[in-house]
Amino acid sequence: MEENRGYTIKSEGINRQGNYYCAYDCGPDAPNQNAYFYHNLDGSRFYKNPDGSSYFANSRGREMYVAPDGDKYMAFNGGPWQPVSKNER
């Protein structure tokens, strides 16, 4: 395993679909012990973060962030983050 900037890479590589993935560990104090991210061939990215939050961005400028408490936010083309109303969830 590789040590790097306070985290340990557990595994990384290219999956069957051709997307790059990386799973890493930020230590016993991190709320999420199974953090990982994907960089996909279509240009989208997905991150499951050590703090329990997640982030998704597609190749067309849409981004979604889910905070550790479950609140959701969206942004378009680098614009400001907007909360997602309960009926859009």
N, C-alpha and C. Protein backbone atom coordinates (compact mmCIF):
# COMPACT_ATOMS: atom_id res chain seq x y z
N MET A 1 0.84 -1.18 0.00
CA MET A 1 0.00 0.00 0.00
C MET A 1 0.89 1.25 0.00
N GLU A 2 0.42 2.26 -0.67
CA GLU A 2 1.20 3.48 -0.81
C GLU A 2 0.73 4.55 0.17
N GLU A 3 1.64 5.14 0.94
CA GLU A 3 1.33 6.24 1.85
C GLU A 3 1.44 7.54 1.06
N ASN A 4 0.47 8.42 1.22
CA ASN A 4 0.49 9.66 0.47
C ASN A 4 -0.42 10.68 1.12
N ARG A 5 0.13 11.78 1.61
CA ARG A 5 -0.65 12.92 2.12
C ARG A 5 -1.70 12.55 3.15
N GLY A 6 -1.38 11.70 4.08
CA GLY A 6 -2.31 11.38 5.15
C GLY A 6 -3.31 10.29 4.83
N TYR A 7 -3.21 9.68 3.69
CA TYR A 7 -4.09 8.55 3.39
C TYR A 7 -3.28 7.41 2.80
N THR A 8 -3.86 6.24 2.85
CA THR A 8 -3.23 5.05 2.30
C THR A 8 -4.07 4.53 1.15
N ILE A 9 -3.47 4.37 -0.02
CA ILE A 9 -4.18 3.80 -1.16
C ILE A 9 -4.30 2.30 -0.93
N LYS A 10 -5.56 1.81 -0.91
CA LYS A 10 -5.80 0.39 -0.71
C LYS A 10 -5.79 -0.37 -2.03
N SER A 11 -6.37 0.24 -3.05
CA SER A 11 -6.35 -0.37 -4.38
C SER A 11 -6.65 0.71 -5.41
N GLU A 12 -6.16 0.49 -6.60
CA GLU A 12 -6.47 1.39 -7.71
C GLU A 12 -6.27 0.64 -9.00
N GLY A 13 -6.91 1.12 -10.05
CA GLY A 13 -6.76 0.45 -11.33
C GLY A 13 -7.85 0.85 -12.29
N ILE A 14 -8.01 0.06 -13.31
CA ILE A 14 -9.01 0.26 -14.36
C ILE A 14 -10.00 -0.89 -14.26
N ASN A 15 -11.30 -0.57 -14.15
CA ASN A 15 -12.29 -1.64 -14.06
C ASN A 15 -12.66 -2.16 -15.45
N ARG A 16 -13.58 -3.11 -15.52
CA ARG A 16 -13.95 -3.73 -16.80
C ARG A 16 -14.56 -2.75 -17.79
N GLN A 17 -15.17 -1.69 -17.27
CA GLN A 17 -15.76 -0.68 -18.15
C GLN A 17 -14.73 0.33 -18.65
N GLY A 18 -13.48 0.21 -18.17
CA GLY A 18 -12.43 1.13 -18.60
C GLY A 18 -12.31 2.38 -17.76
N ASN A 19 -12.99 2.42 -16.61
CA ASN A 19 -12.96 3.58 -15.73
C ASN A 19 -11.89 3.42 -14.67
N TYR A 20 -11.22 4.52 -14.34
CA TYR A 20 -10.19 4.50 -13.31
C TYR A 20 -10.86 4.59 -11.94
N TYR A 21 -10.39 3.78 -11.00
CA TYR A 21 -10.90 3.86 -9.64
C TYR A 21 -9.73 3.87 -8.66
N CYS A 22 -9.99 4.40 -7.49
CA CYS A 22 -9.00 4.41 -6.41
C CYS A 22 -9.74 4.31 -5.09
N ALA A 23 -9.40 3.32 -4.29
CA ALA A 23 -9.96 3.16 -2.94
C ALA A 23 -8.85 3.50 -1.96
N TYR A 24 -9.18 4.25 -0.92
CA TYR A 24 -8.16 4.69 0.02
C TYR A 24 -8.69 4.77 1.44
N ASP A 25 -7.79 4.79 2.39
CA ASP A 25 -8.11 4.80 3.81
C ASP A 25 -7.46 6.02 4.44
N CYS A 26 -8.23 6.78 5.18
CA CYS A 26 -7.72 7.99 5.85
C CYS A 26 -7.50 7.77 7.34
N GLY A 27 -7.48 6.55 7.76
CA GLY A 27 -7.19 6.26 9.16
C GLY A 27 -8.42 5.99 10.00
N PRO A 28 -8.22 5.54 11.23
CA PRO A 28 -9.32 5.10 12.09
C PRO A 28 -10.26 6.23 12.53
N ASP A 29 -9.84 7.47 12.44
CA ASP A 29 -10.70 8.58 12.87
C ASP A 29 -11.64 9.07 11.78
N ALA A 30 -11.46 8.62 10.55
CA ALA A 30 -12.34 9.04 9.46
C ALA A 30 -13.69 8.34 9.59
N PRO A 31 -14.81 9.09 9.46
CA PRO A 31 -16.13 8.48 9.56
C PRO A 31 -16.38 7.39 8.51
N ASN A 32 -15.83 7.56 7.31
CA ASN A 32 -16.00 6.57 6.25
C ASN A 32 -14.66 5.88 6.00
N GLN A 33 -14.57 4.62 6.38
CA GLN A 33 -13.33 3.87 6.21
C GLN A 33 -13.16 3.34 4.78
N ASN A 34 -14.18 3.46 3.97
CA ASN A 34 -14.13 2.94 2.60
C ASN A 34 -14.29 4.06 1.58
N ALA A 35 -13.40 5.03 1.61
CA ALA A 35 -13.45 6.13 0.66
C ALA A 35 -12.92 5.66 -0.69
N TYR A 36 -13.49 6.21 -1.77
CA TYR A 36 -13.05 5.84 -3.11
C TYR A 36 -13.49 6.90 -4.09
N PHE A 37 -12.93 6.84 -5.29
CA PHE A 37 -13.42 7.69 -6.36
C PHE A 37 -13.28 6.98 -7.69
N TYR A 38 -14.09 7.43 -8.66
CA TYR A 38 -14.04 6.94 -10.04
C TYR A 38 -13.88 8.14 -10.96
N HIS A 39 -13.03 8.00 -11.94
CA HIS A 39 -12.97 8.92 -13.07
C HIS A 39 -13.36 8.09 -14.29
N ASN A 40 -14.48 8.41 -14.88
CA ASN A 40 -15.08 7.57 -15.90
C ASN A 40 -14.74 8.02 -17.32
N LEU A 41 -14.81 7.09 -18.25
CA LEU A 41 -14.49 7.37 -19.64
C LEU A 41 -15.38 8.46 -20.24
N ASP A 42 -16.61 8.57 -19.75
CA ASP A 42 -17.52 9.58 -20.30
C ASP A 42 -17.24 10.98 -19.74
N GLY A 43 -16.20 11.11 -18.91
CA GLY A 43 -15.84 12.41 -18.34
C GLY A 43 -16.46 12.68 -16.99
N SER A 44 -17.33 11.80 -16.52
CA SER A 44 -17.94 12.00 -15.21
C SER A 44 -16.98 11.53 -14.11
N ARG A 45 -17.25 12.03 -12.89
CA ARG A 45 -16.43 11.67 -11.73
C ARG A 45 -17.36 11.43 -10.54
N PHE A 46 -16.99 10.48 -9.70
CA PHE A 46 -17.74 10.22 -8.48
C PHE A 46 -16.76 10.01 -7.34
N TYR A 47 -17.04 10.66 -6.21
CA TYR A 47 -16.20 10.55 -5.02
C TYR A 47 -17.06 10.20 -3.81
N LYS A 48 -16.65 9.21 -3.07
CA LYS A 48 -17.22 8.91 -1.75
C LYS A 48 -16.11 9.27 -0.76
N ASN A 49 -16.31 10.33 -0.01
CA ASN A 49 -15.25 10.95 0.78
C ASN A 49 -15.13 10.37 2.19
N PRO A 50 -13.95 10.55 2.80
CA PRO A 50 -13.73 10.02 4.15
C PRO A 50 -14.69 10.59 5.20
N ASP A 51 -15.21 11.80 4.97
CA ASP A 51 -16.13 12.41 5.95
C ASP A 51 -17.57 11.91 5.79
N GLY A 52 -17.81 11.00 4.83
CA GLY A 52 -19.14 10.46 4.59
C GLY A 52 -19.91 11.20 3.51
N SER A 53 -19.38 12.30 3.01
CA SER A 53 -20.04 13.03 1.93
C SER A 53 -19.74 12.35 0.59
N SER A 54 -20.49 12.74 -0.44
CA SER A 54 -20.21 12.24 -1.78
C SER A 54 -20.36 13.38 -2.78
N TYR A 55 -19.72 13.20 -3.91
CA TYR A 55 -19.70 14.23 -4.95
C TYR A 55 -19.78 13.54 -6.30
N PHE A 56 -20.60 14.09 -7.20
CA PHE A 56 -20.72 13.57 -8.55
C PHE A 56 -20.68 14.74 -9.52
N ALA A 57 -19.97 14.58 -10.61
CA ALA A 57 -19.97 15.57 -11.68
C ALA A 57 -20.06 14.83 -13.00
N ASN A 58 -20.96 15.27 -13.87
CA ASN A 58 -21.01 14.65 -15.19
C ASN A 58 -20.21 15.51 -16.17
N SER A 59 -20.11 15.06 -17.39
CA SER A 59 -19.28 15.74 -18.38
C SER A 59 -19.97 16.96 -18.98
N ARG A 60 -21.20 17.23 -18.57
CA ARG A 60 -21.97 18.35 -19.12
C ARG A 60 -22.12 19.50 -18.12
N GLY A 61 -21.37 19.46 -17.02
CA GLY A 61 -21.37 20.59 -16.09
C GLY A 61 -22.29 20.47 -14.90
N ARG A 62 -22.99 19.36 -14.77
CA ARG A 62 -23.87 19.19 -13.61
C ARG A 62 -23.08 18.55 -12.47
N GLU A 63 -23.20 19.12 -11.29
CA GLU A 63 -22.53 18.60 -10.11
C GLU A 63 -23.54 18.38 -9.00
N MET A 64 -23.33 17.35 -8.20
CA MET A 64 -24.16 17.12 -7.02
C MET A 64 -23.25 16.77 -5.85
N TYR A 65 -23.56 17.38 -4.72
CA TYR A 65 -22.82 17.12 -3.48
C TYR A 65 -23.83 16.68 -2.44
N VAL A 66 -23.55 15.58 -1.75
CA VAL A 66 -24.38 15.12 -0.64
C VAL A 66 -23.53 15.22 0.62
N ALA A 67 -23.95 16.09 1.53
CA ALA A 67 -23.21 16.32 2.76
C ALA A 67 -23.32 15.11 3.69
N PRO A 68 -22.43 15.01 4.67
CA PRO A 68 -22.50 13.88 5.61
C PRO A 68 -23.86 13.74 6.30
N ASP A 69 -24.58 14.86 6.49
CA ASP A 69 -25.89 14.79 7.13
C ASP A 69 -27.02 14.44 6.16
N GLY A 70 -26.68 14.22 4.87
CA GLY A 70 -27.67 13.83 3.88
C GLY A 70 -28.25 14.98 3.07
N ASP A 71 -27.97 16.23 3.44
CA ASP A 71 -28.45 17.36 2.64
C ASP A 71 -27.80 17.33 1.27
N LYS A 72 -28.59 17.65 0.23
CA LYS A 72 -28.11 17.60 -1.15
C LYS A 72 -28.04 18.99 -1.75
N TYR A 73 -27.01 19.18 -2.57
CA TYR A 73 -26.78 20.46 -3.25
C TYR A 73 -26.41 20.18 -4.69
N MET A 74 -26.85 21.08 -5.59
CA MET A 74 -26.52 20.95 -7.01
C MET A 74 -25.90 22.24 -7.51
N ALA A 75 -25.07 22.10 -8.53
CA ALA A 75 -24.50 23.25 -9.21
C ALA A 75 -24.43 22.92 -10.70
N PHE A 76 -24.46 23.95 -11.53
CA PHE A 76 -24.39 23.77 -12.98
C PHE A 76 -23.29 24.65 -13.54
N ASN A 77 -22.42 24.06 -14.33
CA ASN A 77 -21.37 24.78 -15.04
C ASN A 77 -20.55 25.70 -14.13
N GLY A 78 -20.18 25.20 -12.97
CA GLY A 78 -19.34 25.98 -12.06
C GLY A 78 -20.06 27.07 -11.30
N GLY A 79 -21.38 27.10 -11.40
CA GLY A 79 -22.18 28.11 -10.70
C GLY A 79 -22.27 27.82 -9.21
N PRO A 80 -23.02 28.64 -8.50
CA PRO A 80 -23.13 28.46 -7.04
C PRO A 80 -23.90 27.20 -6.68
N TRP A 81 -23.57 26.64 -5.54
CA TRP A 81 -24.27 25.47 -5.02
C TRP A 81 -25.65 25.89 -4.53
N GLN A 82 -26.67 25.13 -4.92
CA GLN A 82 -28.05 25.38 -4.51
C GLN A 82 -28.57 24.15 -3.79
N PRO A 83 -29.27 24.36 -2.66
CA PRO A 83 -29.86 23.20 -2.00
C PRO A 83 -30.93 22.57 -2.87
N VAL A 84 -31.04 21.26 -2.82
CA VAL A 84 -32.06 20.52 -3.55
C VAL A 84 -33.28 20.45 -2.65
N SER A 85 -34.43 20.88 -3.17
CA SER A 85 -35.63 20.85 -2.34
C SER A 85 -36.05 19.41 -2.09
N LYS A 86 -36.79 19.21 -1.04
CA LYS A 86 -37.18 17.86 -0.63
C LYS A 86 -37.96 17.13 -1.71
N ASN A 87 -38.78 17.84 -2.54
CA ASN A 87 -39.53 17.15 -3.59
C ASN A 87 -38.66 16.78 -4.78
N GLU A 88 -37.43 17.29 -4.89
CA GLU A 88 -36.55 16.91 -5.98
C GLU A 88 -35.67 15.74 -5.61
N ARG A 89 -35.69 15.31 -4.37
CA ARG A 89 -34.80 14.23 -3.92
C ARG A 89 -35.29 12.94 -4.34
